[in-house]
Amino acid sequence: MPGALRTLTVISPVYNEAAVIEKFYHELKSQLDKLSDRYVSKILFVVDRCTDETLVILKKIAHVDPSVQILALSSRFGHQMSLLAGIDHADSDAIVMMDCDLQHPPEVIPELLSAFEKGSDVVYTIRKDAGHTGFLKKSSSKWFYGLINRISDIPINESAADFRLISRRVANVFKEHLRERNLFLRGLISWVGFSQSAVSFTVCPRVGGASKYSFGRLVRFSMNGILSFSKKPLQAAIFIGIAFAGLGFIMAFVTFIQYCMKFVLPSGWTTLVILFSVFSGIQLIFLGIIGEYIGGIFDEVKKRPHYIVEERTNLL
């Protein structure tokens, strides 16, 4: 009806954030209260199984504030699956995804909504470094996005973050069609298309706790991105194989000419060992790449659930 308020759900994945979660809630709630004349807002915390008091703190908050919803997962399913769980359980006109460590400032939400109101179905954010990001993290991020943009047909901004807004119809695409097991949401958000716009924000220092992305998880995350959006590693195996086969034929031709001209041939053990080592190494590398793609297929055909919900608070 005319004048009806739109609905907004803020999804925040949580894992062992007892040191910061209450502060995050108060700052986010303060921003949402300022939007109460335009939006009916809810906060949906998706909690990977924690080992600290995070869930206890959130339950106390939800007991006082019915607009706070909690989806507690039965195990640690990871950041991307937590976001998917939030999308599956959100039913709002606009859905904002953001981390709860306060590096994604809640003050940016009105800008996201402003772009949404102008017609954008996806409003993604671009990080601006304030100078406290480590050199290694910046370099590895730049290298990864440079690589994936070079080998993929889906461009992804290297400064893009998992702080974004999507409309209800984009959320419905994920609910009904995009059910991949090895999720790379940054790529999928670009892939779905629709009207998209960007908002810049300055990354804030982490208020408390530590990053939950270990080096191993970052590598796995990067591999999911590459395997989900590019077949070029497999194609590279073909061209490298052709190149080395050509080199082998050239060496065979040279050796045959030397034999016909009765040159004294060296024993050739060093050459054979080097060539055998190089060829074997390349074969093992590409067997590993093929194994990763086959592993991705294996994950899909098993059709295990993306996540398992153990407990709901303020959710039907």
C-alpha atoms as a PDB file:
ATOM      1  CA  MET A   1       0.000   0.000   0.000  1.00  0.00           C
ATOM      2  CA  PRO A   2       1.194   3.620  -0.469  1.00  0.00           C
ATOM      3  CA  GLY A   3       3.623   4.696   2.191  1.00  0.00           C
ATOM      4  CA  ALA A   4       4.380   1.140   3.363  1.00  0.00           C
ATOM      5  CA  LEU A   5       7.871   0.717   4.777  1.00  0.00           C
ATOM      6  CA  ARG A   6      10.392  -1.462   2.996  1.00  0.00           C
ATOM      7  CA  THR A   7      12.053  -4.317   4.850  1.00  0.00           C
ATOM      8  CA  LEU A   8      15.776  -4.764   5.504  1.00  0.00           C
ATOM      9  CA  THR A   9      17.765  -7.680   6.915  1.00  0.00           C
ATOM     10  CA  VAL A  10      21.416  -7.329   7.888  1.00  0.00           C
ATOM     11  CA  ILE A  11      23.205 -10.691   7.776  1.00  0.00           C
ATOM     12  CA  SER A  12      26.387 -11.070   9.785  1.00  0.00           C
ATOM     13  CA  PRO A  13      28.365 -14.351   9.960  1.00  0.00           C
ATOM     14  CA  VAL A  14      29.890 -14.914  13.388  1.00  0.00           C
ATOM     15  CA  TYR A  15      32.640 -17.161  14.724  1.00  0.00           C
ATOM     16  CA  ASN A  16      34.301 -16.608  18.116  1.00  0.00           C
ATOM     17  CA  GLU A  17      33.626 -12.866  18.274  1.00  0.00           C
ATOM     18  CA  ALA A  18      32.801 -12.525  21.995  1.00  0.00           C
ATOM     19  CA  ALA A  19      35.277  -9.642  22.310  1.00  0.00           C
ATOM     20  CA  VAL A  20      33.476  -7.436  19.788  1.00  0.00           C
ATOM     21  CA  ILE A  21      29.971  -8.743  19.126  1.00  0.00           C
ATOM     22  CA  GLU A  22      28.109  -6.601  21.671  1.00  0.00           C
ATOM     23  CA  LYS A  23      29.817  -3.399  20.489  1.00  0.00           C
ATOM     24  CA  PHE A  24      29.017  -4.307  16.899  1.00  0.00           C
ATOM     25  CA  TYR A  25      25.360  -4.857  17.750  1.00  0.00           C
ATOM     26  CA  HIS A  26      25.005  -1.474  19.457  1.00  0.00           C
ATOM     27  CA  GLU A  27      26.682   0.417  16.608  1.00  0.00           C
ATOM     28  CA  LEU A  28      24.653  -1.411  13.964  1.00  0.00           C
ATOM     29  CA  LYS A  29      21.402  -0.967  15.892  1.00  0.00           C
ATOM     30  CA  SER A  30      22.085   2.753  16.222  1.00  0.00           C
ATOM     31  CA  GLN A  31      22.363   3.075  12.443  1.00  0.00           C
ATOM     32  CA  LEU A  32      19.255   1.003  11.787  1.00  0.00           C
ATOM     33  CA  ASP A  33      17.222   3.062  14.241  1.00  0.00           C
ATOM     34  CA  LYS A  34      18.018   6.136  12.133  1.00  0.00           C
ATOM     35  CA  LEU A  35      16.403   4.379   9.158  1.00  0.00           C
ATOM     36  CA  SER A  36      13.198   3.458  11.008  1.00  0.00           C
ATOM     37  CA  ASP A  37      11.132   5.995   9.061  1.00  0.00           C
ATOM     38  CA  ARG A  38      11.952   4.124   5.799  1.00  0.00           C
ATOM     39  CA  TYR A  39      12.752   0.517   6.731  1.00  0.00           C
ATOM     40  CA  VAL A  40      11.608  -2.198   9.097  1.00  0.00           C
ATOM     41  CA  SER A  41      14.964  -3.728   9.995  1.00  0.00           C
ATOM     42  CA  LYS A  42      16.148  -7.068  11.347  1.00  0.00           C
ATOM     43  CA  ILE A  43      19.625  -8.306  12.240  1.00  0.00           C
ATOM     44  CA  LEU A  44      20.359 -11.948  11.448  1.00  0.00           C
ATOM     45  CA  PHE A  45      23.456 -13.393  13.113  1.00  0.00           C
ATOM     46  CA  VAL A  46      24.584 -16.678  11.550  1.00  0.00           C
ATOM     47  CA  VAL A  47      26.781 -18.366  14.141  1.00  0.00           C
ATOM     48  CA  ASP A  48      29.283 -21.038  13.172  1.00  0.00           C
ATOM     49  CA  ARG A  49      29.723 -23.378  16.133  1.00  0.00           C
ATOM     50  CA  CYS A  50      31.812 -21.259  18.516  1.00  0.00           C
ATOM     51  CA  THR A  51      34.183 -22.183  21.314  1.00  0.00           C
ATOM     52  CA  ASP A  52      33.711 -18.931  23.250  1.00  0.00           C
ATOM     53  CA  GLU A  53      30.710 -17.087  24.731  1.00  0.00           C
ATOM     54  CA  THR A  54      29.547 -15.473  21.481  1.00  0.00           C
ATOM     55  CA  LEU A  55      26.275 -17.405  21.246  1.00  0.00           C
ATOM     56  CA  VAL A  56      25.458 -16.774  24.923  1.00  0.00           C
ATOM     57  CA  ILE A  57      25.940 -13.014  24.436  1.00  0.00           C
ATOM     58  CA  LEU A  58      23.802 -12.982  21.297  1.00  0.00           C
ATOM     59  CA  LYS A  59      20.985 -14.891  23.006  1.00  0.00           C
ATOM     60  CA  LYS A  60      20.906 -12.282  25.772  1.00  0.00           C
ATOM     61  CA  ILE A  61      20.696  -9.528  23.154  1.00  0.00           C
ATOM     62  CA  ALA A  62      17.959 -11.372  21.216  1.00  0.00           C
ATOM     63  CA  HIS A  63      15.952 -11.868  24.417  1.00  0.00           C
ATOM     64  CA  VAL A  64      15.775  -8.090  24.869  1.00  0.00           C
ATOM     65  CA  ASP A  65      15.548  -7.132  21.163  1.00  0.00           C
ATOM     66  CA  PRO A  66      13.122  -9.273  19.084  1.00  0.00           C
ATOM     67  CA  SER A  67      14.480  -7.751  15.856  1.00  0.00           C
ATOM     68  CA  VAL A  68      17.688  -9.735  16.456  1.00  0.00           C
ATOM     69  CA  GLN A  69      17.554 -13.221  14.950  1.00  0.00           C
ATOM     70  CA  ILE A  70      20.081 -16.002  15.489  1.00  0.00           C
ATOM     71  CA  LEU A  71      20.797 -18.966  13.281  1.00  0.00           C
ATOM     72  CA  ALA A  72      23.189 -21.276  15.152  1.00  0.00           C
ATOM     73  CA  LEU A  73      24.871 -23.860  12.915  1.00  0.00           C
ATOM     74  CA  SER A  74      25.751 -27.339  14.159  1.00  0.00           C
ATOM     75  CA  SER A  75      29.397 -27.195  13.052  1.00  0.00           C
ATOM     76  CA  ARG A  76      31.876 -24.819  11.490  1.00  0.00           C
ATOM     77  CA  PHE A  77      30.687 -24.594   7.910  1.00  0.00           C
ATOM     78  CA  GLY A  78      32.678 -21.472   7.055  1.00  0.00           C
ATOM     79  CA  HIS A  79      32.130 -17.836   6.162  1.00  0.00           C
ATOM     80  CA  GLN A  80      30.633 -18.360   2.693  1.00  0.00           C
ATOM     81  CA  MET A  81      28.167 -21.031   3.834  1.00  0.00           C
ATOM     82  CA  SER A  82      27.139 -18.812   6.747  1.00  0.00           C
ATOM     83  CA  LEU A  83      26.304 -16.039   4.291  1.00  0.00           C
ATOM     84  CA  LEU A  84      24.311 -18.501   2.175  1.00  0.00           C
ATOM     85  CA  ALA A  85      22.409 -19.650   5.274  1.00  0.00           C
ATOM     86  CA  GLY A  86      21.573 -16.026   6.015  1.00  0.00           C
ATOM     87  CA  ILE A  87      20.323 -15.445   2.462  1.00  0.00           C
ATOM     88  CA  ASP A  88      18.167 -18.594   2.691  1.00  0.00           C
ATOM     89  CA  HIS A  89      16.504 -17.361   5.898  1.00  0.00           C
ATOM     90  CA  ALA A  90      16.113 -13.687   4.963  1.00  0.00           C
ATOM     91  CA  ASP A  91      12.885 -12.499   3.384  1.00  0.00           C
ATOM     92  CA  SER A  92      13.338  -8.757   2.984  1.00  0.00           C
ATOM     93  CA  ASP A  93      13.298  -6.231   0.174  1.00  0.00           C
ATOM     94  CA  ALA A  94      16.985  -5.513   0.796  1.00  0.00           C
ATOM     95  CA  ILE A  95      19.646  -7.744   2.353  1.00  0.00           C
ATOM     96  CA  VAL A  96      22.963  -6.372   3.589  1.00  0.00           C
ATOM     97  CA  MET A  97      25.866  -8.730   4.278  1.00  0.00           C
ATOM     98  CA  MET A  98      28.662  -7.526   6.550  1.00  0.00           C
ATOM     99  CA  ASP A  99      31.258  -8.868   8.989  1.00  0.00           C
ATOM    100  CA  CYS A 100      30.839  -8.252  12.703  1.00  0.00           C
ATOM    101  CA  ASP A 101      34.423  -7.204  13.499  1.00  0.00           C
ATOM    102  CA  LEU A 102      33.584  -3.535  12.748  1.00  0.00           C
ATOM    103  CA  GLN A 103      35.996  -3.406   9.836  1.00  0.00           C
ATOM    104  CA  HIS A 104      32.825  -2.997   7.780  1.00  0.00           C
ATOM    105  CA  PRO A 105      31.442   0.259   9.235  1.00  0.00           C
ATOM    106  CA  PRO A 106      27.648   0.310   9.779  1.00  0.00           C
ATOM    107  CA  GLU A 107      27.698   4.011   8.799  1.00  0.00           C
ATOM    108  CA  VAL A 108      27.967   2.898   5.149  1.00  0.00           C
ATOM    109  CA  ILE A 109      24.581   1.130   5.160  1.00  0.00           C
ATOM    110  CA  PRO A 110      22.589   4.327   4.296  1.00  0.00           C
ATOM    111  CA  GLU A 111      24.770   4.732   1.186  1.00  0.00           C
ATOM    112  CA  LEU A 112      24.052   1.144   0.154  1.00  0.00           C
ATOM    113  CA  LEU A 113      20.328   1.722   0.610  1.00  0.00           C
ATOM    114  CA  SER A 114      20.479   4.974  -1.326  1.00  0.00           C
ATOM    115  CA  ALA A 115      21.958   3.136  -4.335  1.00  0.00           C
ATOM    116  CA  PHE A 116      19.361   0.375  -3.900  1.00  0.00           C
ATOM    117  CA  GLU A 117      16.546   2.937  -3.930  1.00  0.00           C
ATOM    118  CA  LYS A 118      17.907   4.320  -7.199  1.00  0.00           C
ATOM    119  CA  GLY A 119      17.430   0.923  -8.829  1.00  0.00           C
ATOM    120  CA  SER A 120      20.540  -1.156  -8.110  1.00  0.00           C
ATOM    121  CA  ASP A 121      19.875  -4.829  -7.346  1.00  0.00           C
ATOM    122  CA  VAL A 122      23.456  -5.300  -6.184  1.00  0.00           C
ATOM    123  CA  VAL A 123      25.467  -2.674  -4.337  1.00  0.00           C
ATOM    124  CA  TYR A 124      28.975  -3.923  -3.652  1.00  0.00           C
ATOM    125  CA  THR A 125      31.662  -2.116  -1.691  1.00  0.00           C
ATOM    126  CA  ILE A 126      35.230  -1.194  -2.585  1.00  0.00           C
ATOM    127  CA  ARG A 127      37.738  -1.141   0.241  1.00  0.00           C
ATOM    128  CA  LYS A 128      40.037   1.831   0.708  1.00  0.00           C
ATOM    129  CA  ASP A 129      43.021   0.914   2.858  1.00  0.00           C
ATOM    130  CA  ALA A 130      43.599   3.174   5.846  1.00  0.00           C
ATOM    131  CA  GLY A 131      47.199   2.011   6.203  1.00  0.00           C
ATOM    132  CA  HIS A 132      46.841  -0.724   8.819  1.00  0.00           C
ATOM    133  CA  THR A 133      46.577  -3.663   6.383  1.00  0.00           C
ATOM    134  CA  GLY A 134      49.738  -5.737   6.352  1.00  0.00           C
ATOM    135  CA  PHE A 135      52.019  -5.772   3.307  1.00  0.00           C
ATOM    136  CA  LEU A 136      51.745  -9.554   2.909  1.00  0.00           C
ATOM    137  CA  LYS A 137      47.924  -9.496   2.951  1.00  0.00           C
ATOM    138  CA  LYS A 138      47.757  -6.627   0.454  1.00  0.00           C
ATOM    139  CA  SER A 139      50.289  -8.267  -1.856  1.00  0.00           C
ATOM    140  CA  SER A 140      48.622 -11.684  -1.766  1.00  0.00           C
ATOM    141  CA  SER A 141      45.203 -10.131  -2.411  1.00  0.00           C
ATOM    142  CA  LYS A 142      46.532  -8.142  -5.363  1.00  0.00           C
ATOM    143  CA  TRP A 143      48.239 -11.224  -6.781  1.00  0.00           C
ATOM    144  CA  PHE A 144      45.131 -13.406  -6.402  1.00  0.00           C
ATOM    145  CA  TYR A 145      42.702 -10.968  -8.031  1.00  0.00           C
ATOM    146  CA  GLY A 146      45.206 -10.201 -10.770  1.00  0.00           C
ATOM    147  CA  LEU A 147      45.426 -13.930 -11.495  1.00  0.00           C
ATOM    148  CA  ILE A 148      41.680 -14.644 -11.394  1.00  0.00           C
ATOM    149  CA  ASN A 149      40.865 -11.639 -13.603  1.00  0.00           C
ATOM    150  CA  ARG A 150      43.469 -12.807 -16.098  1.00  0.00           C
ATOM    151  CA  ILE A 151      42.129 -16.361 -16.374  1.00  0.00           C
ATOM    152  CA  SER A 152      38.409 -15.789 -15.789  1.00  0.00           C
ATOM    153  CA  ASP A 153      35.689 -14.231 -17.939  1.00  0.00           C
ATOM    154  CA  ILE A 154      34.062 -12.718 -14.823  1.00  0.00           C
ATOM    155  CA  PRO A 155      35.853  -9.510 -13.710  1.00  0.00           C
ATOM    156  CA  ILE A 156      36.193  -9.091  -9.940  1.00  0.00           C
ATOM    157  CA  ASN A 157      37.505  -5.886  -8.404  1.00  0.00           C
ATOM    158  CA  GLU A 158      40.575  -6.636  -6.288  1.00  0.00           C
ATOM    159  CA  SER A 159      39.309  -4.275  -3.568  1.00  0.00           C
ATOM    160  CA  ALA A 160      35.829  -5.818  -3.406  1.00  0.00           C
ATOM    161  CA  ALA A 161      34.637  -6.964   0.018  1.00  0.00           C
ATOM    162  CA  ASP A 162      31.979  -9.280   1.420  1.00  0.00           C
ATOM    163  CA  PHE A 163      30.153  -6.126   2.506  1.00  0.00           C
ATOM    164  CA  ARG A 164      27.300  -5.711   0.043  1.00  0.00           C
ATOM    165  CA  LEU A 165      23.590  -5.255  -0.508  1.00  0.00           C
ATOM    166  CA  ILE A 166      21.436  -7.472  -2.677  1.00  0.00           C
ATOM    167  CA  SER A 167      17.765  -7.132  -3.551  1.00  0.00           C
ATOM    168  CA  ARG A 168      15.088  -9.737  -2.903  1.00  0.00           C
ATOM    169  CA  ARG A 169      15.154 -10.971  -6.518  1.00  0.00           C
ATOM    170  CA  VAL A 170      18.930 -11.517  -6.417  1.00  0.00           C
ATOM    171  CA  ALA A 171      18.516 -13.397  -3.125  1.00  0.00           C
ATOM    172  CA  ASN A 172      15.850 -15.572  -4.781  1.00  0.00           C
ATOM    173  CA  VAL A 173      18.357 -16.544  -7.492  1.00  0.00           C
ATOM    174  CA  PHE A 174      20.678 -17.893  -4.779  1.00  0.00           C
ATOM    175  CA  LYS A 175      17.826 -19.616  -2.959  1.00  0.00           C
ATOM    176  CA  GLU A 176      16.417 -21.340  -6.030  1.00  0.00           C
ATOM    177  CA  HIS A 177      19.272 -21.810  -8.502  1.00  0.00           C
ATOM    178  CA  LEU A 178      22.817 -21.149  -7.237  1.00  0.00           C
ATOM    179  CA  ARG A 179      23.444 -24.036  -4.832  1.00  0.00           C
ATOM    180  CA  GLU A 180      27.144 -24.701  -5.391  1.00  0.00           C
ATOM    181  CA  ARG A 181      29.047 -26.466  -2.614  1.00  0.00           C
ATOM    182  CA  ASN A 182      32.321 -24.585  -3.119  1.00  0.00           C
ATOM    183  CA  LEU A 183      30.929 -21.071  -2.928  1.00  0.00           C
ATOM    184  CA  PHE A 184      32.822 -18.008  -4.078  1.00  0.00           C
ATOM    185  CA  LEU A 185      30.218 -15.309  -3.514  1.00  0.00           C
ATOM    186  CA  ARG A 186      32.303 -12.408  -4.812  1.00  0.00           C
ATOM    187  CA  GLY A 187      32.463 -14.087  -8.194  1.00  0.00           C
ATOM    188  CA  LEU A 188      28.861 -15.281  -8.184  1.00  0.00           C
ATOM    189  CA  ILE A 189      27.561 -11.817  -7.287  1.00  0.00           C
ATOM    190  CA  SER A 190      29.338 -10.472 -10.389  1.00  0.00           C
ATOM    191  CA  TRP A 191      28.146 -13.417 -12.481  1.00  0.00           C
ATOM    192  CA  VAL A 192      24.407 -13.036 -11.732  1.00  0.00           C
ATOM    193  CA  GLY A 193      24.399  -9.612 -13.337  1.00  0.00           C
ATOM    194  CA  PHE A 194      21.376  -7.330 -12.753  1.00  0.00           C
ATOM    195  CA  SER A 195      21.899  -3.630 -12.111  1.00  0.00           C
ATOM    196  CA  GLN A 196      25.041  -3.175 -10.008  1.00  0.00           C
ATOM    197  CA  SER A 197      26.743  -0.179  -8.437  1.00  0.00           C
ATOM    198  CA  ALA A 198      29.640   0.392  -6.044  1.00  0.00           C
ATOM    199  CA  VAL A 199      30.177   2.288  -2.808  1.00  0.00           C
ATOM    200  CA  SER A 200      33.620   2.982  -1.360  1.00  0.00           C
ATOM    201  CA  PHE A 201      34.465   2.695   2.311  1.00  0.00           C
ATOM    202  CA  THR A 202      37.569   2.960   4.459  1.00  0.00           C
ATOM    203  CA  VAL A 203      38.501  -0.236   6.268  1.00  0.00           C
ATOM    204  CA  CYS A 204      38.493   0.277  10.026  1.00  0.00           C
ATOM    205  CA  PRO A 205      40.925  -1.458  12.386  1.00  0.00           C
ATOM    206  CA  ARG A 206      39.590  -4.630  13.996  1.00  0.00           C
ATOM    207  CA  VAL A 207      38.156  -3.658  17.398  1.00  0.00           C
ATOM    208  CA  GLY A 208      38.767  -6.993  19.103  1.00  0.00           C
ATOM    209  CA  GLY A 209      39.616 -10.618  18.506  1.00  0.00           C
ATOM    210  CA  ALA A 210      41.604 -11.934  15.560  1.00  0.00           C
ATOM    211  CA  SER A 211      40.960 -12.778  11.935  1.00  0.00           C
ATOM    212  CA  LYS A 212      39.420 -16.222  11.480  1.00  0.00           C
ATOM    213  CA  TYR A 213      40.955 -16.712   8.031  1.00  0.00           C
ATOM    214  CA  SER A 214      44.119 -18.767   8.513  1.00  0.00           C
ATOM    215  CA  PHE A 215      46.607 -19.089   5.666  1.00  0.00           C
ATOM    216  CA  GLY A 216      45.164 -22.507   4.796  1.00  0.00           C
ATOM    217  CA  ARG A 217      41.609 -21.152   4.658  1.00  0.00           C
ATOM    218  CA  LEU A 218      42.737 -18.260   2.460  1.00  0.00           C
ATOM    219  CA  VAL A 219      44.397 -20.709   0.063  1.00  0.00           C
ATOM    220  CA  ARG A 220      41.217 -22.830  -0.033  1.00  0.00           C
ATOM    221  CA  PHE A 221      39.122 -19.715  -0.607  1.00  0.00           C
ATOM    222  CA  SER A 222      41.410 -18.693  -3.476  1.00  0.00           C
ATOM    223  CA  MET A 223      41.265 -22.156  -5.013  1.00  0.00           C
ATOM    224  CA  ASN A 224      37.461 -22.107  -4.891  1.00  0.00           C
ATOM    225  CA  GLY A 225      37.498 -18.808  -6.744  1.00  0.00           C
ATOM    226  CA  ILE A 226      39.795 -20.087  -9.490  1.00  0.00           C
ATOM    227  CA  LEU A 227      38.116 -23.483  -9.905  1.00  0.00           C
ATOM    228  CA  SER A 228      34.619 -21.966  -9.927  1.00  0.00           C
ATOM    229  CA  PHE A 229      35.273 -19.416 -12.642  1.00  0.00           C
ATOM    230  CA  SER A 230      37.994 -20.703 -14.925  1.00  0.00           C
ATOM    231  CA  LYS A 231      38.906 -23.788 -16.973  1.00  0.00           C
ATOM    232  CA  LYS A 232      42.137 -22.187 -18.155  1.00  0.00           C
ATOM    233  CA  PRO A 233      44.382 -24.212 -15.796  1.00  0.00           C
ATOM    234  CA  LEU A 234      43.144 -27.316 -17.610  1.00  0.00           C
ATOM    235  CA  GLN A 235      43.604 -25.663 -20.982  1.00  0.00           C
ATOM    236  CA  ALA A 236      47.124 -24.661 -19.975  1.00  0.00           C
ATOM    237  CA  ALA A 237      47.973 -28.341 -19.519  1.00  0.00           C
ATOM    238  CA  ILE A 238      47.205 -28.941 -23.196  1.00  0.00           C
ATOM    239  CA  PHE A 239      49.421 -26.116 -24.459  1.00  0.00           C
ATOM    240  CA  ILE A 240      52.299 -26.875 -22.110  1.00  0.00           C
ATOM    241  CA  GLY A 241      52.060 -30.544 -23.119  1.00  0.00           C
ATOM    242  CA  ILE A 242      52.213 -29.565 -26.796  1.00  0.00           C
ATOM    243  CA  ALA A 243      55.198 -27.286 -26.137  1.00  0.00           C
ATOM    244  CA  PHE A 244      57.188 -29.981 -24.335  1.00  0.00           C
ATOM    245  CA  ALA A 245      56.213 -32.599 -26.908  1.00  0.00           C
ATOM    246  CA  GLY A 246      57.530 -30.261 -29.602  1.00  0.00           C
ATOM    247  CA  LEU A 247      60.765 -29.819 -27.644  1.00  0.00           C
ATOM    248  CA  GLY A 248      61.066 -33.607 -27.404  1.00  0.00           C
ATOM    249  CA  PHE A 249      60.626 -34.027 -31.169  1.00  0.00           C
ATOM    250  CA  ILE A 250      63.269 -31.361 -31.830  1.00  0.00           C
ATOM    251  CA  MET A 251      65.742 -33.108 -29.524  1.00  0.00           C
ATOM    252  CA  ALA A 252      64.963 -36.435 -31.192  1.00  0.00           C
ATOM    253  CA  PHE A 253      65.554 -34.906 -34.653  1.00  0.00           C
ATOM    254  CA  VAL A 254      68.870 -33.338 -33.562  1.00  0.00           C
ATOM    255  CA  THR A 255      70.004 -36.624 -32.043  1.00  0.00           C
ATOM    256  CA  PHE A 256      69.077 -38.510 -35.225  1.00  0.00           C
ATOM    257  CA  ILE A 257      71.071 -36.043 -37.380  1.00  0.00           C
ATOM    258  CA  GLN A 258      74.065 -36.404 -35.069  1.00  0.00           C
ATOM    259  CA  TYR A 259      73.811 -40.176 -35.335  1.00  0.00           C
ATOM    260  CA  CYS A 260      73.618 -40.060 -39.162  1.00  0.00           C
ATOM    261  CA  MET A 261      76.660 -37.777 -39.310  1.00  0.00           C
ATOM    262  CA  LYS A 262      78.488 -40.196 -37.005  1.00  0.00           C
ATOM    263  CA  PHE A 263      79.097 -37.641 -34.271  1.00  0.00           C
ATOM    264  CA  VAL A 264      80.333 -39.125 -31.043  1.00  0.00           C
ATOM    265  CA  LEU A 265      77.294 -38.885 -28.785  1.00  0.00           C
ATOM    266  CA  PRO A 266      77.704 -38.286 -25.069  1.00  0.00           C
ATOM    267  CA  SER A 267      76.205 -40.754 -22.654  1.00  0.00           C
ATOM    268  CA  GLY A 268      73.271 -38.346 -22.057  1.00  0.00           C
ATOM    269  CA  TRP A 269      72.445 -39.404 -18.518  1.00  0.00           C
ATOM    270  CA  THR A 270      72.323 -35.817 -17.242  1.00  0.00           C
ATOM    271  CA  THR A 271      69.986 -34.739 -20.012  1.00  0.00           C
ATOM    272  CA  LEU A 272      67.720 -37.718 -19.450  1.00  0.00           C
ATOM    273  CA  VAL A 273      67.544 -37.134 -15.704  1.00  0.00           C
ATOM    274  CA  ILE A 274      66.745 -33.418 -16.152  1.00  0.00           C
ATOM    275  CA  LEU A 275      64.081 -34.070 -18.773  1.00  0.00           C
ATOM    276  CA  PHE A 276      62.550 -36.898 -16.751  1.00  0.00           C
ATOM    277  CA  SER A 277      62.407 -34.713 -13.623  1.00  0.00           C
ATOM    278  CA  VAL A 278      60.882 -31.745 -15.476  1.00  0.00           C
ATOM    279  CA  PHE A 279      58.282 -33.833 -17.303  1.00  0.00           C
ATOM    280  CA  SER A 280      57.362 -35.761 -14.157  1.00  0.00           C
ATOM    281  CA  GLY A 281      57.015 -32.550 -12.145  1.00  0.00           C
ATOM    282  CA  ILE A 282      54.763 -30.947 -14.751  1.00  0.00           C
ATOM    283  CA  GLN A 283      52.642 -34.100 -14.986  1.00  0.00           C
ATOM    284  CA  LEU A 284      52.189 -34.198 -11.211  1.00  0.00           C
ATOM    285  CA  ILE A 285      51.250 -30.506 -11.107  1.00  0.00           C
ATOM    286  CA  PHE A 286      48.557 -30.939 -13.727  1.00  0.00           C
ATOM    287  CA  LEU A 287      47.348 -34.179 -12.158  1.00  0.00           C
ATOM    288  CA  GLY A 288      46.872 -32.120  -9.009  1.00  0.00           C
ATOM    289  CA  ILE A 289      44.939 -29.448 -10.928  1.00  0.00           C
ATOM    290  CA  ILE A 290      42.749 -32.112 -12.539  1.00  0.00           C
ATOM    291  CA  GLY A 291      42.282 -33.664  -9.093  1.00  0.00           C
ATOM    292  CA  GLU A 292      40.995 -30.344  -7.729  1.00  0.00           C
ATOM    293  CA  TYR A 293      38.403 -30.084 -10.488  1.00  0.00           C
ATOM    294  CA  ILE A 294      37.361 -33.714  -9.957  1.00  0.00           C
ATOM    295  CA  GLY A 295      37.173 -33.052  -6.203  1.00  0.00           C
ATOM    296  CA  GLY A 296      34.819 -30.147  -6.899  1.00  0.00           C
ATOM    297  CA  ILE A 297      32.618 -32.465  -8.989  1.00  0.00           C
ATOM    298  CA  PHE A 298      32.723 -35.035  -6.167  1.00  0.00           C
ATOM    299  CA  ASP A 299      31.518 -32.421  -3.661  1.00  0.00           C
ATOM    300  CA  GLU A 300      28.614 -31.532  -5.928  1.00  0.00           C
ATOM    301  CA  VAL A 301      27.416 -35.078  -6.651  1.00  0.00           C
ATOM    302  CA  LYS A 302      27.432 -36.065  -2.964  1.00  0.00           C
ATOM    303  CA  LYS A 303      24.690 -33.451  -2.443  1.00  0.00           C
ATOM    304  CA  ARG A 304      25.400 -32.999   1.232  1.00  0.00           C
ATOM    305  CA  PRO A 305      23.540 -30.069   2.825  1.00  0.00           C
ATOM    306  CA  HIS A 306      25.337 -26.745   2.595  1.00  0.00           C
ATOM    307  CA  TYR A 307      24.900 -26.260   6.339  1.00  0.00           C
ATOM    308  CA  ILE A 308      22.935 -27.736   9.249  1.00  0.00           C
ATOM    309  CA  VAL A 309      20.968 -25.512  11.603  1.00  0.00           C
ATOM    310  CA  GLU A 310      21.147 -26.555  15.238  1.00  0.00           C
ATOM    311  CA  GLU A 311      19.139 -23.769  16.840  1.00  0.00           C
ATOM    312  CA  ARG A 312      16.998 -20.765  15.866  1.00  0.00           C
ATOM    313  CA  THR A 313      16.224 -17.702  17.950  1.00  0.00           C
ATOM    314  CA  ASN A 314      13.433 -15.285  16.938  1.00  0.00           C
ATOM    315  CA  LEU A 315      13.094 -17.216  13.693  1.00  0.00           C
ATOM    316  CA  LEU A 316      10.197 -19.412  12.619  1.00  0.00           C
END
